[in-house]
Amino acid sequence: MSDGLSDAIRDAERGVYLSIHVQPGAKRTAFCGMHDGCLKIAIAQSPQDGRANEALRGFVASEFGLGKRDVELASGATSRRKRLFLAGVPAALRQAIINRVSDV
């Protein structure tokens, strides 16, 4: 799954931006591969009232060993295509994302 994944990760001064394509209302929450240059994530929560966004933040935080406060929705609150900001050391975050997602 790491094919194209590094293109979905952009380093920033205090962390990385991660381009995500979300599939809300799925049977289970999981990584699903790549979609149009973004990491695709299925979220079991419905998109109503921002619940899927909160579930996405929690899932990403737990999968990459971050606190939920370290994962911010940078853009795409009402879209399936989103950008998340993950706070931390950029090189370490990039490697953690690649390692975790390529295992899937």
PDB file of N, CA and C in Angstrom:
ATOM      1  N   MET A   1       0.815  -1.195   0.000  1.00  0.00           N
ATOM      2  CA  MET A   1       0.000   0.000   0.000  1.00  0.00           C
ATOM      3  C   MET A   1       0.857   1.256   0.000  1.00  0.00           C
ATOM      4  N   SER A   2       2.131   1.142   0.249  1.00  0.00           N
ATOM      5  CA  SER A   2       2.961   2.339   0.312  1.00  0.00           C
ATOM      6  C   SER A   2       3.161   2.991  -1.049  1.00  0.00           C
ATOM      7  N   ASP A   3       2.737   2.337  -2.138  1.00  0.00           N
ATOM      8  CA  ASP A   3       2.868   2.894  -3.470  1.00  0.00           C
ATOM      9  C   ASP A   3       2.048   4.186  -3.562  1.00  0.00           C
ATOM     10  N   GLY A   4       2.719   5.332  -3.702  1.00  0.00           N
ATOM     11  CA  GLY A   4       2.042   6.618  -3.765  1.00  0.00           C
ATOM     12  C   GLY A   4       1.756   7.232  -2.409  1.00  0.00           C
ATOM     13  N   LEU A   5       1.956   6.495  -1.345  1.00  0.00           N
ATOM     14  CA  LEU A   5       1.652   7.005  -0.012  1.00  0.00           C
ATOM     15  C   LEU A   5       2.513   8.212   0.335  1.00  0.00           C
ATOM     16  N   SER A   6       3.779   8.172  -0.008  1.00  0.00           N
ATOM     17  CA  SER A   6       4.647   9.288   0.355  1.00  0.00           C
ATOM     18  C   SER A   6       4.203  10.587  -0.315  1.00  0.00           C
ATOM     19  N   ASP A   7       3.488  10.503  -1.447  1.00  0.00           N
ATOM     20  CA  ASP A   7       2.950  11.706  -2.090  1.00  0.00           C
ATOM     21  C   ASP A   7       1.796  12.314  -1.285  1.00  0.00           C
ATOM     22  N   ALA A   8       1.148  11.521  -0.462  1.00  0.00           N
ATOM     23  CA  ALA A   8       0.025  12.002   0.347  1.00  0.00           C
ATOM     24  C   ALA A   8       0.495  12.674   1.637  1.00  0.00           C
ATOM     25  N   ILE A   9       1.797  12.616   1.909  1.00  0.00           N
ATOM     26  CA  ILE A   9       2.368  13.178   3.139  1.00  0.00           C
ATOM     27  C   ILE A   9       3.214  14.390   2.775  1.00  0.00           C
ATOM     28  N   ARG A  10       2.931  15.509   3.414  1.00  0.00           N
ATOM     29  CA  ARG A  10       3.702  16.743   3.186  1.00  0.00           C
ATOM     30  C   ARG A  10       4.281  17.214   4.519  1.00  0.00           C
ATOM     31  N   ASP A  11       5.593  17.380   4.548  1.00  0.00           N
ATOM     32  CA  ASP A  11       6.250  17.861   5.762  1.00  0.00           C
ATOM     33  C   ASP A  11       5.900  19.323   6.016  1.00  0.00           C
ATOM     34  N   ALA A  12       5.787  19.662   7.277  1.00  0.00           N
ATOM     35  CA  ALA A  12       5.564  21.038   7.722  1.00  0.00           C
ATOM     36  C   ALA A  12       6.547  21.309   8.853  1.00  0.00           C
ATOM     37  N   GLU A  13       6.554  22.519   9.346  1.00  0.00           N
ATOM     38  CA  GLU A  13       7.519  22.889  10.382  1.00  0.00           C
ATOM     39  C   GLU A  13       7.336  22.093  11.676  1.00  0.00           C
ATOM     40  N   ARG A  14       6.098  21.894  12.089  1.00  0.00           N
ATOM     41  CA  ARG A  14       5.832  21.225  13.375  1.00  0.00           C
ATOM     42  C   ARG A  14       5.154  19.870  13.221  1.00  0.00           C
ATOM     43  N   GLY A  15       5.206  19.280  12.014  1.00  0.00           N
ATOM     44  CA  GLY A  15       4.549  18.000  11.806  1.00  0.00           C
ATOM     45  C   GLY A  15       4.411  17.703  10.329  1.00  0.00           C
ATOM     46  N   VAL A  16       3.327  17.014   9.979  1.00  0.00           N
ATOM     47  CA  VAL A  16       3.068  16.687   8.576  1.00  0.00           C
ATOM     48  C   VAL A  16       1.590  16.900   8.257  1.00  0.00           C
ATOM     49  N   TYR A  17       1.330  17.152   6.981  1.00  0.00           N
ATOM     50  CA  TYR A  17      -0.033  17.164   6.466  1.00  0.00           C
ATOM     51  C   TYR A  17      -0.250  15.842   5.760  1.00  0.00           C
ATOM     52  N   LEU A  18      -1.393  15.237   5.992  1.00  0.00           N
ATOM     53  CA  LEU A  18      -1.732  13.953   5.394  1.00  0.00           C
ATOM     54  C   LEU A  18      -3.029  14.105   4.618  1.00  0.00           C
ATOM     55  N   SER A  19      -2.971  13.806   3.320  1.00  0.00           N
ATOM     56  CA  SER A  19      -4.165  13.872   2.470  1.00  0.00           C
ATOM     57  C   SER A  19      -4.935  12.563   2.614  1.00  0.00           C
ATOM     58  N   ILE A  20      -6.223  12.697   2.916  1.00  0.00           N
ATOM     59  CA  ILE A  20      -7.079  11.555   3.225  1.00  0.00           C
ATOM     60  C   ILE A  20      -8.304  11.574   2.317  1.00  0.00           C
ATOM     61  N   HIS A  21      -8.746  10.396   1.902  1.00  0.00           N
ATOM     62  CA  HIS A  21     -10.056  10.227   1.281  1.00  0.00           C
ATOM     63  C   HIS A  21     -10.852   9.354   2.257  1.00  0.00           C
ATOM     64  N   VAL A  22     -11.968   9.887   2.748  1.00  0.00           N
ATOM     65  CA  VAL A  22     -12.748   9.209   3.786  1.00  0.00           C
ATOM     66  C   VAL A  22     -13.990   8.554   3.185  1.00  0.00           C
ATOM     67  N   GLN A  23     -14.280   7.364   3.667  1.00  0.00           N
ATOM     68  CA  GLN A  23     -15.515   6.663   3.316  1.00  0.00           C
ATOM     69  C   GLN A  23     -16.319   6.495   4.609  1.00  0.00           C
ATOM     70  N   PRO A  24     -17.200   7.463   4.925  1.00  0.00           N
ATOM     71  CA  PRO A  24     -17.976   7.367   6.170  1.00  0.00           C
ATOM     72  C   PRO A  24     -19.084   6.325   6.057  1.00  0.00           C
ATOM     73  N   GLY A  25     -19.552   5.859   7.184  1.00  0.00           N
ATOM     74  CA  GLY A  25     -20.655   4.900   7.215  1.00  0.00           C
ATOM     75  C   GLY A  25     -20.256   3.508   6.764  1.00  0.00           C
ATOM     76  N   ALA A  26     -18.972   3.172   6.849  1.00  0.00           N
ATOM     77  CA  ALA A  26     -18.482   1.853   6.437  1.00  0.00           C
ATOM     78  C   ALA A  26     -18.818   0.802   7.508  1.00  0.00           C
ATOM     79  N   LYS A  27     -18.640  -0.461   7.155  1.00  0.00           N
ATOM     80  CA  LYS A  27     -18.890  -1.536   8.126  1.00  0.00           C
ATOM     81  C   LYS A  27     -17.908  -1.477   9.292  1.00  0.00           C
ATOM     82  N   ARG A  28     -16.652  -1.108   8.973  1.00  0.00           N
ATOM     83  CA  ARG A  28     -15.645  -1.018  10.032  1.00  0.00           C
ATOM     84  C   ARG A  28     -14.653   0.085   9.692  1.00  0.00           C
ATOM     85  N   THR A  29     -13.955   0.569  10.681  1.00  0.00           N
ATOM     86  CA  THR A  29     -12.951   1.607  10.494  1.00  0.00           C
ATOM     87  C   THR A  29     -11.618   0.942  10.182  1.00  0.00           C
ATOM     88  N   ALA A  30     -11.016   1.324   9.032  1.00  0.00           N
ATOM     89  CA  ALA A  30      -9.766   0.690   8.619  1.00  0.00           C
ATOM     90  C   ALA A  30      -9.115   1.470   7.480  1.00  0.00           C
ATOM     91  N   PHE A  31      -7.820   1.242   7.298  1.00  0.00           N
ATOM     92  CA  PHE A  31      -7.123   1.746   6.126  1.00  0.00           C
ATOM     93  C   PHE A  31      -7.563   0.911   4.932  1.00  0.00           C
ATOM     94  N   CYS A  32      -7.753   1.559   3.778  1.00  0.00           N
ATOM     95  CA  CYS A  32      -8.265   0.854   2.602  1.00  0.00           C
ATOM     96  C   CYS A  32      -7.394   1.002   1.365  1.00  0.00           C
ATOM     97  N   GLY A  33      -6.206   1.554   1.497  1.00  0.00           N
ATOM     98  CA  GLY A  33      -5.337   1.724   0.340  1.00  0.00           C
ATOM     99  C   GLY A  33      -5.255   3.175  -0.072  1.00  0.00           C
ATOM    100  N   MET A  34      -4.995   3.376  -1.350  1.00  0.00           N
ATOM    101  CA  MET A  34      -4.855   4.724  -1.886  1.00  0.00           C
ATOM    102  C   MET A  34      -6.026   5.013  -2.822  1.00  0.00           C
ATOM    103  N   HIS A  35      -6.409   6.292  -2.884  1.00  0.00           N
ATOM    104  CA  HIS A  35      -7.474   6.727  -3.776  1.00  0.00           C
ATOM    105  C   HIS A  35      -7.143   8.131  -4.268  1.00  0.00           C
ATOM    106  N   ASP A  36      -6.865   8.257  -5.544  1.00  0.00           N
ATOM    107  CA  ASP A  36      -6.622   9.563  -6.166  1.00  0.00           C
ATOM    108  C   ASP A  36      -5.552  10.378  -5.423  1.00  0.00           C
ATOM    109  N   GLY A  37      -4.439   9.730  -5.079  1.00  0.00           N
ATOM    110  CA  GLY A  37      -3.336  10.412  -4.412  1.00  0.00           C
ATOM    111  C   GLY A  37      -3.502  10.620  -2.925  1.00  0.00           C
ATOM    112  N   CYS A  38      -4.547  10.056  -2.347  1.00  0.00           N
ATOM    113  CA  CYS A  38      -4.831  10.202  -0.914  1.00  0.00           C
ATOM    114  C   CYS A  38      -4.871   8.823  -0.246  1.00  0.00           C
ATOM    115  N   LEU A  39      -4.566   8.794   1.040  1.00  0.00           N
ATOM    116  CA  LEU A  39      -4.747   7.581   1.825  1.00  0.00           C
ATOM    117  C   LEU A  39      -6.240   7.413   2.082  1.00  0.00           C
ATOM    118  N   LYS A  40      -6.804   6.281   1.689  1.00  0.00           N
ATOM    119  CA  LYS A  40      -8.234   6.049   1.888  1.00  0.00           C
ATOM    120  C   LYS A  40      -8.454   5.366   3.231  1.00  0.00           C
ATOM    121  N   ILE A  41      -9.396   5.931   3.993  1.00  0.00           N
ATOM    122  CA  ILE A  41      -9.745   5.379   5.296  1.00  0.00           C
ATOM    123  C   ILE A  41     -11.256   5.224   5.369  1.00  0.00           C
ATOM    124  N   ALA A  42     -11.707   4.029   5.691  1.00  0.00           N
ATOM    125  CA  ALA A  42     -13.129   3.772   5.930  1.00  0.00           C
ATOM    126  C   ALA A  42     -13.410   4.077   7.400  1.00  0.00           C
ATOM    127  N   ILE A  43     -14.492   4.807   7.642  1.00  0.00           N
ATOM    128  CA  ILE A  43     -14.892   5.178   9.006  1.00  0.00           C
ATOM    129  C   ILE A  43     -16.292   4.634   9.252  1.00  0.00           C
ATOM    130  N   ALA A  44     -16.464   3.898  10.331  1.00  0.00           N
ATOM    131  CA  ALA A  44     -17.754   3.292  10.635  1.00  0.00           C
ATOM    132  C   ALA A  44     -18.802   4.327  11.043  1.00  0.00           C
ATOM    133  N   GLN A  45     -18.374   5.428  11.566  1.00  0.00           N
ATOM    134  CA  GLN A  45     -19.291   6.470  12.037  1.00  0.00           C
ATOM    135  C   GLN A  45     -19.965   7.183  10.863  1.00  0.00           C
ATOM    136  N   SER A  46     -21.197   7.613  11.054  1.00  0.00           N
ATOM    137  CA  SER A  46     -21.902   8.370  10.020  1.00  0.00           C
ATOM    138  C   SER A  46     -21.355   9.798   9.972  1.00  0.00           C
ATOM    139  N   PRO A  47     -21.524  10.485   8.829  1.00  0.00           N
ATOM    140  CA  PRO A  47     -20.982  11.833   8.707  1.00  0.00           C
ATOM    141  C   PRO A  47     -21.819  12.923   9.388  1.00  0.00           C
ATOM    142  N   GLN A  48     -22.921  12.579   9.969  1.00  0.00           N
ATOM    143  CA  GLN A  48     -23.814  13.569  10.571  1.00  0.00           C
ATOM    144  C   GLN A  48     -23.165  14.272  11.759  1.00  0.00           C
ATOM    145  N   ASP A  49     -23.342  15.596  11.799  1.00  0.00           N
ATOM    146  CA  ASP A  49     -22.892  16.431  12.916  1.00  0.00           C
ATOM    147  C   ASP A  49     -21.387  16.306  13.202  1.00  0.00           C
ATOM    148  N   GLY A  50     -20.579  16.007  12.189  1.00  0.00           N
ATOM    149  CA  GLY A  50     -19.137  15.935  12.364  1.00  0.00           C
ATOM    150  C   GLY A  50     -18.634  14.703  13.078  1.00  0.00           C
ATOM    151  N   ARG A  51     -19.514  13.725  13.293  1.00  0.00           N
ATOM    152  CA  ARG A  51     -19.103  12.522  14.023  1.00  0.00           C
ATOM    153  C   ARG A  51     -18.026  11.728  13.294  1.00  0.00           C
ATOM    154  N   ALA A  52     -18.115  11.650  11.967  1.00  0.00           N
ATOM    155  CA  ALA A  52     -17.103  10.911  11.199  1.00  0.00           C
ATOM    156  C   ALA A  52     -15.750  11.622  11.285  1.00  0.00           C
ATOM    157  N   ASN A  53     -15.751  12.942  11.281  1.00  0.00           N
ATOM    158  CA  ASN A  53     -14.490  13.688  11.411  1.00  0.00           C
ATOM    159  C   ASN A  53     -13.830  13.415  12.756  1.00  0.00           C
ATOM    160  N   GLU A  54     -14.607  13.404  13.810  1.00  0.00           N
ATOM    161  CA  GLU A  54     -14.056  13.111  15.137  1.00  0.00           C
ATOM    162  C   GLU A  54     -13.556  11.676  15.223  1.00  0.00           C
ATOM    163  N   ALA A  55     -14.299  10.748  14.630  1.00  0.00           N
ATOM    164  CA  ALA A  55     -13.865   9.354  14.608  1.00  0.00           C
ATOM    165  C   ALA A  55     -12.573   9.209  13.797  1.00  0.00           C
ATOM    166  N   LEU A  56     -12.471   9.939  12.692  1.00  0.00           N
ATOM    167  CA  LEU A  56     -11.262   9.918  11.871  1.00  0.00           C
ATOM    168  C   LEU A  56     -10.062  10.417  12.678  1.00  0.00           C
ATOM    169  N   ARG A  57     -10.215  11.533  13.366  1.00  0.00           N
ATOM    170  CA  ARG A  57      -9.124  12.077  14.189  1.00  0.00           C
ATOM    171  C   ARG A  57      -8.688  11.070  15.248  1.00  0.00           C
ATOM    172  N   GLY A  58      -9.649  10.444  15.901  1.00  0.00           N
ATOM    173  CA  GLY A  58      -9.327   9.456  16.927  1.00  0.00           C
ATOM    174  C   GLY A  58      -8.630   8.231  16.362  1.00  0.00           C
ATOM    175  N   PHE A  59      -9.097   7.759  15.211  1.00  0.00           N
ATOM    176  CA  PHE A  59      -8.496   6.585  14.572  1.00  0.00           C
ATOM    177  C   PHE A  59      -7.057   6.878  14.167  1.00  0.00           C
ATOM    178  N   VAL A  60      -6.838   8.007  13.489  1.00  0.00           N
ATOM    179  CA  VAL A  60      -5.496   8.367  13.036  1.00  0.00           C
ATOM    180  C   VAL A  60      -4.567   8.552  14.241  1.00  0.00           C
ATOM    181  N   ALA A  61      -5.038   9.211  15.266  1.00  0.00           N
ATOM    182  CA  ALA A  61      -4.223   9.406  16.470  1.00  0.00           C
ATOM    183  C   ALA A  61      -3.809   8.068  17.074  1.00  0.00           C
ATOM    184  N   SER A  62      -4.743   7.157  17.232  1.00  0.00           N
ATOM    185  CA  SER A  62      -4.410   5.873  17.857  1.00  0.00           C
ATOM    186  C   SER A  62      -3.503   5.023  16.964  1.00  0.00           C
ATOM    187  N   GLU A  63      -3.723   5.052  15.666  1.00  0.00           N
ATOM    188  CA  GLU A  63      -2.913   4.242  14.751  1.00  0.00           C
ATOM    189  C   GLU A  63      -1.464   4.715  14.662  1.00  0.00           C
ATOM    190  N   PHE A  64      -1.236   6.013  14.840  1.00  0.00           N
ATOM    191  CA  PHE A  64       0.112   6.552  14.703  1.00  0.00           C
ATOM    192  C   PHE A  64       0.732   6.957  16.034  1.00  0.00           C
ATOM    193  N   GLY A  65       0.118   6.547  17.138  1.00  0.00           N
ATOM    194  CA  GLY A  65       0.684   6.782  18.461  1.00  0.00           C
ATOM    195  C   GLY A  65       0.686   8.243  18.890  1.00  0.00           C
ATOM    196  N   LEU A  66      -0.350   8.971  18.505  1.00  0.00           N
ATOM    197  CA  LEU A  66      -0.472  10.385  18.848  1.00  0.00           C
ATOM    198  C   LEU A  66      -1.653  10.603  19.781  1.00  0.00           C
ATOM    199  N   GLY A  67      -1.655  11.738  20.447  1.00  0.00           N
ATOM    200  CA  GLY A  67      -2.832  12.144  21.198  1.00  0.00           C
ATOM    201  C   GLY A  67      -3.841  12.737  20.231  1.00  0.00           C
ATOM    202  N   LYS A  68      -5.122  12.655  20.534  1.00  0.00           N
ATOM    203  CA  LYS A  68      -6.146  13.197  19.645  1.00  0.00           C
ATOM    204  C   LYS A  68      -5.940  14.694  19.407  1.00  0.00           C
ATOM    205  N   ARG A  69      -5.405  15.395  20.386  1.00  0.00           N
ATOM    206  CA  ARG A  69      -5.156  16.837  20.231  1.00  0.00           C
ATOM    207  C   ARG A  69      -4.041  17.111  19.225  1.00  0.00           C
ATOM    208  N   ASP A  70      -3.231  16.092  18.901  1.00  0.00           N
ATOM    209  CA  ASP A  70      -2.139  16.243  17.936  1.00  0.00           C
ATOM    210  C   ASP A  70      -2.594  16.031  16.494  1.00  0.00           C
ATOM    211  N   VAL A  71      -3.871  15.714  16.299  1.00  0.00           N
ATOM    212  CA  VAL A  71      -4.423  15.506  14.948  1.00  0.00           C
ATOM    213  C   VAL A  71      -5.512  16.550  14.734  1.00  0.00           C
ATOM    214  N   GLU A  72      -5.272  17.448  13.779  1.00  0.00           N
ATOM    215  CA  GLU A  72      -6.218  18.524  13.482  1.00  0.00           C
ATOM    216  C   GLU A  72      -6.751  18.379  12.066  1.00  0.00           C
ATOM    217  N   LEU A  73      -8.011  18.684  11.887  1.00  0.00           N
ATOM    218  CA  LEU A  73      -8.603  18.718  10.559  1.00  0.00           C
ATOM    219  C   LEU A  73      -8.239  20.068   9.940  1.00  0.00           C
ATOM    220  N   ALA A  74      -7.317  20.052   8.969  1.00  0.00           N
ATOM    221  CA  ALA A  74      -6.835  21.294   8.359  1.00  0.00           C
ATOM    222  C   ALA A  74      -7.769  21.785   7.263  1.00  0.00           C
ATOM    223  N   SER A  75      -8.398  20.866   6.535  1.00  0.00           N
ATOM    224  CA  SER A  75      -9.351  21.259   5.491  1.00  0.00           C
ATOM    225  C   SER A  75     -10.238  20.082   5.136  1.00  0.00           C
ATOM    226  N   GLY A  76     -11.400  20.395   4.551  1.00  0.00           N
ATOM    227  CA  GLY A  76     -12.310  19.363   4.073  1.00  0.00           C
ATOM    228  C   GLY A  76     -13.339  18.880   5.071  1.00  0.00           C
ATOM    229  N   ALA A  77     -13.780  19.738   5.974  1.00  0.00           N
ATOM    230  CA  ALA A  77     -14.708  19.328   7.023  1.00  0.00           C
ATOM    231  C   ALA A  77     -15.975  18.670   6.487  1.00  0.00           C
ATOM    232  N   THR A  78     -16.475  19.116   5.335  1.00  0.00           N
ATOM    233  CA  THR A  78     -17.713  18.546   4.791  1.00  0.00           C
ATOM    234  C   THR A  78     -17.463  17.753   3.507  1.00  0.00           C
ATOM    235  N   SER A  79     -16.225  17.461   3.224  1.00  0.00           N
ATOM    236  CA  SER A  79     -15.853  16.745   2.004  1.00  0.00           C
ATOM    237  C   SER A  79     -15.281  15.375   2.348  1.00  0.00           C
ATOM    238  N   ARG A  80     -15.306  14.470   1.399  1.00  0.00           N
ATOM    239  CA  ARG A  80     -14.640  13.175   1.606  1.00  0.00           C
ATOM    240  C   ARG A  80     -13.128  13.323   1.534  1.00  0.00           C
ATOM    241  N   ARG A  81     -12.669  14.318   0.788  1.00  0.00           N
ATOM    242  CA  ARG A  81     -11.233  14.584   0.679  1.00  0.00           C
ATOM    243  C   ARG A  81     -10.845  15.586   1.762  1.00  0.00           C
ATOM    244  N   LYS A  82      -9.917  15.180   2.617  1.00  0.00           N
ATOM    245  CA  LYS A  82      -9.541  15.987   3.774  1.00  0.00           C
ATOM    246  C   LYS A  82      -8.029  16.086   3.880  1.00  0.00           C
ATOM    247  N   ARG A  83      -7.585  17.106   4.580  1.00  0.00           N
ATOM    248  CA  ARG A  83      -6.178  17.219   4.949  1.00  0.00           C
ATOM    249  C   ARG A  83      -6.115  17.280   6.458  1.00  0.00           C
ATOM    250  N   LEU A  84      -5.325  16.382   7.023  1.00  0.00           N
ATOM    251  CA  LEU A  84      -5.105  16.371   8.461  1.00  0.00           C
ATOM    252  C   LEU A  84      -3.713  16.898   8.749  1.00  0.00           C
ATOM    253  N   PHE A  85      -3.580  17.637   9.832  1.00  0.00           N
ATOM    254  CA  PHE A  85      -2.269  18.038  10.310  1.00  0.00           C
ATOM    255  C   PHE A  85      -1.949  17.180  11.514  1.00  0.00           C
ATOM    256  N   LEU A  86      -0.808  16.486  11.473  1.00  0.00           N
ATOM    257  CA  LEU A  86      -0.348  15.659  12.575  1.00  0.00           C
ATOM    258  C   LEU A  86       0.858  16.353  13.193  1.00  0.00           C
ATOM    259  N   ALA A  87       0.747  16.732  14.447  1.00  0.00           N
ATOM    260  CA  ALA A  87       1.821  17.448  15.134  1.00  0.00           C
ATOM    261  C   ALA A  87       2.874  16.466  15.629  1.00  0.00           C
ATOM    262  N   GLY A  88       4.137  16.843  15.419  1.00  0.00           N
ATOM    263  CA  GLY A  88       5.251  16.019  15.873  1.00  0.00           C
ATOM    264  C   GLY A  88       6.465  16.250  14.998  1.00  0.00           C
ATOM    265  N   VAL A  89       7.454  15.380  15.124  1.00  0.00           N
ATOM    266  CA  VAL A  89       8.676  15.472  14.325  1.00  0.00           C
ATOM    267  C   VAL A  89       8.369  14.930  12.932  1.00  0.00           C
ATOM    268  N   PRO A  90       8.494  15.755  11.883  1.00  0.00           N
ATOM    269  CA  PRO A  90       8.091  15.350  10.537  1.00  0.00           C
ATOM    270  C   PRO A  90       8.693  14.023  10.060  1.00  0.00           C
ATOM    271  N   ALA A  91       9.991  13.841  10.208  1.00  0.00           N
ATOM    272  CA  ALA A  91      10.630  12.615   9.718  1.00  0.00           C
ATOM    273  C   ALA A  91      10.100  11.381  10.460  1.00  0.00           C
ATOM    274  N   ALA A  92       9.918  11.505  11.759  1.00  0.00           N
ATOM    275  CA  ALA A  92       9.410  10.381  12.552  1.00  0.00           C
ATOM    276  C   ALA A  92       7.962  10.070  12.193  1.00  0.00           C
ATOM    277  N   LEU A  93       7.143  11.102  12.002  1.00  0.00           N
ATOM    278  CA  LEU A  93       5.741  10.890  11.632  1.00  0.00           C
ATOM    279  C   LEU A  93       5.637  10.242  10.251  1.00  0.00           C
ATOM    280  N   ARG A  94       6.416  10.752   9.299  1.00  0.00           N
ATOM    281  CA  ARG A  94       6.408  10.192   7.949  1.00  0.00           C
ATOM    282  C   ARG A  94       6.736   8.701   8.002  1.00  0.00           C
ATOM    283  N   GLN A  95       7.767   8.334   8.745  1.00  0.00           N
ATOM    284  CA  GLN A  95       8.161   6.931   8.835  1.00  0.00           C
ATOM    285  C   GLN A  95       7.095   6.094   9.544  1.00  0.00           C
ATOM    286  N   ALA A  96       6.481   6.634  10.587  1.00  0.00           N
ATOM    287  CA  ALA A  96       5.430   5.911  11.317  1.00  0.00           C
ATOM    288  C   ALA A  96       4.236   5.649  10.415  1.00  0.00           C
ATOM    289  N   ILE A  97       3.870   6.637   9.600  1.00  0.00           N
ATOM    290  CA  ILE A  97       2.736   6.477   8.676  1.00  0.00           C
ATOM    291  C   ILE A  97       3.052   5.410   7.641  1.00  0.00           C
ATOM    292  N   ILE A  98       4.217   5.509   7.027  1.00  0.00           N
ATOM    293  CA  ILE A  98       4.609   4.538   6.003  1.00  0.00           C
ATOM    294  C   ILE A  98       4.682   3.132   6.583  1.00  0.00           C
ATOM    295  N   ASN A  99       5.299   2.989   7.764  1.00  0.00           N
ATOM    296  CA  ASN A  99       5.406   1.670   8.384  1.00  0.00           C
ATOM    297  C   ASN A  99       4.049   1.073   8.713  1.00  0.00           C
ATOM    298  N   ARG A 100       3.166   1.876   9.290  1.00  0.00           N
ATOM    299  CA  ARG A 100       1.857   1.363   9.724  1.00  0.00           C
ATOM    300  C   ARG A 100       0.964   1.022   8.552  1.00  0.00           C
ATOM    301  N   VAL A 101       0.923   1.882   7.566  1.00  0.00           N
ATOM    302  CA  VAL A 101       0.012   1.682   6.453  1.00  0.00           C
ATOM    303  C   VAL A 101       0.512   0.603   5.499  1.00  0.00           C
ATOM    304  N   SER A 102       1.816   0.461   5.351  1.00  0.00           N
ATOM    305  CA  SER A 102       2.326  -0.578   4.455  1.00  0.00           C
ATOM    306  C   SER A 102       2.116  -1.975   5.039  1.00  0.00           C
ATOM    307  N   ASP A 103       1.862  -2.079   6.352  1.00  0.00           N
ATOM    308  CA  ASP A 103       1.563  -3.367   6.988  1.00  0.00           C
ATOM    309  C   ASP A 103       0.155  -3.850   6.674  1.00  0.00           C
ATOM    310  N   VAL A 104      -0.689  -2.955   6.227  1.00  0.00           N
ATOM    311  CA  VAL A 104      -2.104  -3.265   6.030  1.00  0.00           C
ATOM    312  C   VAL A 104      -2.332  -4.000   4.741  1.00  0.00           C
TER     313      VAL A 104
END
